[in-house]
């Protein structure tokens, strides 16, 4: 326990002094996860809406596949991306391995099933009167789809927050695809593992505190949005 208390005390000192290694890893983790989730939203929300509003052969299988994708281990995604981005892989010529772009692609694959599944669930749970009202008012397919998305904005927002939290705290993709290169691809999770293994326990705890703080923010936001929706 003494080691833990000493680590927490040292961690706060590093945070107060704005340790460059800690701040660099934190900023990099935020913008990498932000880009990955943004790209996942651009594709995932339309796909989720399409799955909820159209009928086609294999629709159930596709939905189940995306739901299963939510539980895929990050190391498996990292392994897949490594095979694709390595020199012998089909995407080796793009130099994505050991780069922030490669991590963004990996986290995009992690966030996409979450966005699609939650969007699909939110839209399918809408009151049937929403669709009836839109059709009665003469809304076209695009306008109806936009109306559905607006009505399901809470569920989609929760999907975005959940996907960001999952990407921000993942380790397997950042380690295998990014390579944990100092000041280039080192994120909070990979830096925490490295610094702890090197005996820099204070710095490892400092990075863990930032991870915990971000997770707490996402949890509070999700709880607040849920409470406001219930009150409405």
Protein backbone atom coordinates (compact mmCIF):
# COMPACT_ATOMS: atom_id res chain seq x y z
CA UNK A 1 0.00 0.00 0.00
CA UNK A 2 2.88 2.37 0.71
CA UNK A 3 4.04 1.99 -2.89
CA UNK A 4 0.59 2.95 -4.11
CA UNK A 5 0.33 6.00 -1.86
CA UNK A 6 3.81 7.16 -2.85
CA UNK A 7 2.90 6.65 -6.48
CA UNK A 8 -0.26 8.73 -6.17
CA UNK A 9 1.64 11.53 -4.42
CA UNK A 10 4.33 11.50 -7.09
CA UNK A 11 1.71 11.38 -9.81
CA UNK A 12 0.02 14.56 -8.58
CA UNK A 13 3.38 16.30 -8.53
CA UNK A 14 3.99 15.31 -12.15
CA UNK A 15 0.54 16.54 -13.14
CA UNK A 16 1.03 19.84 -11.34
CA UNK A 17 4.41 20.31 -13.00
CA UNK A 18 2.89 19.40 -16.39
CA UNK A 19 5.29 16.60 -17.16
CA UNK A 20 5.90 16.69 -20.95
CA UNK A 21 5.75 12.91 -21.38
CA UNK A 22 2.40 12.71 -19.60
CA UNK A 23 0.86 15.68 -21.41
CA UNK A 24 2.10 14.52 -24.83
CA UNK A 25 0.61 11.05 -24.35
CA UNK A 26 -2.67 12.50 -23.06
CA UNK A 27 -3.10 14.96 -25.95
CA UNK A 28 -2.21 12.28 -28.49
CA UNK A 29 -4.73 9.85 -27.01
CA UNK A 30 -7.50 12.46 -27.12
CA UNK A 31 -7.06 13.54 -30.72
CA UNK A 32 -6.45 10.02 -32.05
CA UNK A 33 -9.62 8.73 -30.38
CA UNK A 34 -11.53 11.83 -31.46
CA UNK A 35 -10.64 11.37 -35.12
CA UNK A 36 -11.36 7.62 -35.03
CA UNK A 37 -14.81 8.10 -33.47
CA UNK A 38 -15.65 11.00 -35.83
CA UNK A 39 -14.90 8.88 -38.89
CA UNK A 40 -16.86 5.98 -37.35
CA UNK A 41 -19.86 8.29 -36.90
CA UNK A 42 -19.75 9.46 -40.51
CA UNK A 43 -20.10 5.86 -41.68
CA UNK A 44 -21.77 4.16 -38.72
CA UNK A 45 -24.82 6.41 -38.27
CA UNK A 46 -25.99 6.08 -41.93
CA UNK A 47 -25.36 2.32 -41.87
CA UNK A 48 -27.26 1.94 -38.59
CA UNK A 49 -30.15 3.96 -40.03
CA UNK A 50 -30.13 1.84 -43.18
CA UNK A 51 -30.28 -1.39 -41.17
CA UNK A 52 -33.20 -0.11 -39.12
CA UNK A 53 -35.30 1.27 -41.96
CA UNK A 54 -34.78 -1.18 -44.83
CA UNK A 55 -35.46 -4.87 -45.36
CA UNK A 56 -33.11 -7.08 -47.36
CA UNK A 57 -31.86 -10.66 -47.40
CA UNK A 58 -29.23 -11.21 -44.72
CA UNK A 59 -30.20 -8.12 -42.72
CA UNK A 60 -30.44 -10.08 -39.47
CA UNK A 61 -27.07 -11.72 -40.05
CA UNK A 62 -25.43 -8.34 -40.69
CA UNK A 63 -26.98 -6.90 -37.53
CA UNK A 64 -25.76 -9.84 -35.45
CA UNK A 65 -22.31 -9.53 -37.00
CA UNK A 66 -22.02 -5.89 -35.94
CA UNK A 67 -23.26 -6.74 -32.46
CA UNK A 68 -20.60 -9.43 -32.18
CA UNK A 69 -18.04 -6.87 -33.35
CA UNK A 70 -18.62 -4.85 -30.19
CA UNK A 71 -16.96 -7.57 -28.11
CA UNK A 72 -13.97 -8.28 -30.37
CA UNK A 73 -10.71 -8.04 -28.34
CA UNK A 74 -8.59 -5.03 -29.23
CA UNK A 75 -5.52 -7.25 -29.62
CA UNK A 76 -7.33 -9.13 -32.38
CA UNK A 77 -8.04 -5.86 -34.20
CA UNK A 78 -4.42 -4.89 -33.63
CA UNK A 79 -3.25 -8.20 -35.09
CA UNK A 80 -5.47 -7.75 -38.14
CA UNK A 81 -4.23 -4.20 -38.71
CA UNK A 82 -0.62 -5.32 -38.26
CA UNK A 83 -1.08 -7.96 -40.94
CA UNK A 84 -2.65 -5.40 -43.29
CA UNK A 85 -0.13 -2.61 -42.66
CA UNK A 86 3.11 -4.61 -42.54
CA UNK A 87 5.49 -4.59 -45.52
CA UNK A 88 4.15 -7.95 -46.68
CA UNK A 89 0.54 -6.89 -46.18
CA UNK A 90 -1.82 -5.51 -48.84
CA UNK A 91 -1.62 -1.97 -47.40
CA UNK A 92 2.11 -1.98 -46.65
CA UNK A 93 2.87 0.65 -49.30
CA UNK A 94 0.94 3.30 -47.34
CA UNK A 95 3.34 3.22 -44.34
CA UNK A 96 0.53 3.00 -41.79
CA UNK A 97 2.37 0.68 -39.41
CA UNK A 98 3.88 2.48 -36.41
CA UNK A 99 2.06 5.69 -37.22
CA UNK A 100 -0.82 7.65 -35.67
CA UNK A 101 -2.80 7.12 -38.88
CA UNK A 102 -2.56 3.39 -38.37
CA UNK A 103 -3.86 3.70 -34.80
CA UNK A 104 -6.76 5.83 -36.04
CA UNK A 105 -7.69 3.14 -38.57
CA UNK A 106 -7.55 0.46 -35.88
CA UNK A 107 -9.65 2.46 -33.43
CA UNK A 108 -12.07 3.27 -36.26
CA UNK A 109 -12.63 -0.47 -36.66
CA UNK A 110 -13.14 -0.69 -32.89
CA UNK A 111 -15.67 2.15 -32.74
CA UNK A 112 -17.64 1.34 -35.90
CA UNK A 113 -19.63 -1.67 -34.58
CA UNK A 114 -20.54 0.31 -31.44
CA UNK A 115 -21.89 3.25 -33.45
CA UNK A 116 -23.80 1.05 -35.89
CA UNK A 117 -25.33 -1.21 -33.24
CA UNK A 118 -26.43 1.59 -30.92
CA UNK A 119 -27.80 3.67 -33.80
CA UNK A 120 -29.74 0.68 -35.09
CA UNK A 121 -31.14 -0.08 -31.62
CA UNK A 122 -32.10 3.55 -31.00
CA UNK A 123 -33.93 3.88 -34.30
CA UNK A 124 -35.77 0.56 -34.06
CA UNK A 125 -37.02 1.50 -30.58
CA UNK A 126 -38.61 4.75 -31.77
CA UNK A 127 -42.34 5.22 -31.44
CA UNK A 128 -44.06 4.10 -34.64
CA UNK A 129 -45.97 7.40 -34.67
CA UNK A 130 -42.73 9.19 -35.64
CA UNK A 131 -42.63 7.39 -39.00
CA UNK A 132 -46.38 7.77 -39.50
CA UNK A 133 -46.24 11.51 -38.83
CA UNK A 134 -43.29 12.02 -41.18
CA UNK A 135 -45.05 10.12 -43.98
CA UNK A 136 -48.30 12.02 -43.39
CA UNK A 137 -46.49 15.33 -43.69
CA UNK A 138 -45.06 14.22 -47.03
CA UNK A 139 -41.42 13.91 -46.00
CA UNK A 140 -39.17 12.21 -48.53
CA UNK A 141 -36.84 9.29 -47.71
CA UNK A 142 -33.90 11.54 -46.85
CA UNK A 143 -35.98 13.88 -44.72
CA UNK A 144 -37.61 10.94 -42.92
CA UNK A 145 -34.21 9.41 -42.18
CA UNK A 146 -32.97 12.72 -40.78
CA UNK A 147 -36.10 12.98 -38.63
CA UNK A 148 -35.49 9.50 -37.22
CA UNK A 149 -31.88 10.35 -36.40
CA UNK A 150 -32.94 13.56 -34.65
CA UNK A 151 -35.49 11.66 -32.59
CA UNK A 152 -32.86 9.06 -31.64
CA UNK A 153 -30.15 11.64 -30.90
CA UNK A 154 -29.81 10.54 -27.28
CA UNK A 155 -28.99 6.95 -28.19
CA UNK A 156 -26.58 8.09 -30.89
CA UNK A 157 -24.88 10.48 -28.47
CA UNK A 158 -24.48 7.68 -25.95
CA UNK A 159 -22.99 5.53 -28.71
CA UNK A 160 -20.44 8.23 -29.50
CA UNK A 161 -19.47 8.63 -25.84
CA UNK A 162 -19.18 4.88 -25.35
CA UNK A 163 -17.08 4.48 -28.49
CA UNK A 164 -14.78 7.31 -27.43
CA UNK A 165 -14.30 5.80 -23.97
CA UNK A 166 -13.51 2.40 -25.50
CA UNK A 167 -10.99 3.87 -27.95
CA UNK A 168 -9.39 6.16 -25.38
CA UNK A 169 -8.70 3.34 -22.93
CA UNK A 170 -7.74 0.55 -25.36
CA UNK A 171 -4.21 -0.88 -25.34
CA UNK A 172 -3.91 -3.66 -27.91
CA UNK A 173 -4.32 -1.56 -31.08
CA UNK A 174 -2.09 1.28 -29.91
CA UNK A 175 0.65 -1.12 -28.87
CA UNK A 176 0.63 -3.44 -31.89
CA UNK A 177 -0.06 -0.88 -34.61
CA UNK A 178 1.55 2.23 -33.10
CA UNK A 179 4.62 0.55 -31.65
CA UNK A 180 4.74 2.90 -28.64
CA UNK A 181 7.24 5.27 -30.32
CA UNK A 182 8.17 8.16 -28.02
CA UNK A 183 6.58 11.51 -29.00
CA UNK A 184 5.09 9.90 -32.11
CA UNK A 185 2.65 7.08 -31.34
CA UNK A 186 2.85 6.72 -27.57
CA UNK A 187 -0.61 6.96 -25.98
CA UNK A 188 -1.67 7.00 -22.35
CA UNK A 189 -2.27 3.26 -22.18
CA UNK A 190 0.96 2.22 -23.88
CA UNK A 191 2.95 4.79 -21.91
CA UNK A 192 1.43 3.57 -18.65
CA UNK A 193 2.49 -0.01 -19.39
CA UNK A 194 5.98 1.07 -20.42
CA UNK A 195 6.66 3.46 -17.53
CA UNK A 196 5.41 0.94 -14.96
CA UNK A 197 7.61 -1.80 -16.45
CA UNK A 198 10.60 0.56 -16.31
CA UNK A 199 9.98 1.27 -12.64
CA UNK A 200 8.65 4.81 -13.21
CA UNK A 201 5.64 4.08 -11.05
CA UNK A 202 4.80 7.75 -10.40
CA UNK A 203 4.49 8.52 -14.09
CA UNK A 204 2.46 5.37 -14.68
CA UNK A 205 0.03 6.36 -11.93
CA UNK A 206 -0.22 9.90 -13.32
CA UNK A 207 -1.27 8.58 -16.71
CA UNK A 208 -3.70 6.15 -15.10
CA UNK A 209 -5.30 9.05 -13.22
CA UNK A 210 -5.90 10.86 -16.50
CA UNK A 211 -7.50 7.72 -17.93
CA UNK A 212 -9.67 7.43 -14.84
CA UNK A 213 -10.63 11.11 -15.05
CA UNK A 214 -11.70 10.81 -18.70
CA UNK A 215 -13.69 7.65 -17.93
CA UNK A 216 -15.42 9.47 -15.08
CA UNK A 217 -16.33 12.40 -17.36
CA UNK A 218 -17.86 10.06 -19.94
CA UNK A 219 -19.79 8.22 -17.20
CA UNK A 220 -21.17 11.47 -15.80
CA UNK A 221 -22.19 12.66 -19.26
CA UNK A 222 -23.97 9.38 -20.01
CA UNK A 223 -25.76 9.48 -16.66
CA UNK A 224 -26.78 13.11 -17.13
CA UNK A 225 -28.12 12.52 -20.62
CA UNK A 226 -30.09 9.50 -19.45
CA UNK A 227 -31.59 11.43 -16.53
CA UNK A 228 -32.60 14.36 -18.74
CA UNK A 229 -34.29 12.02 -21.20
CA UNK A 230 -36.25 10.30 -18.44
CA UNK A 231 -37.39 13.68 -17.12
CA UNK A 232 -38.56 14.65 -20.59
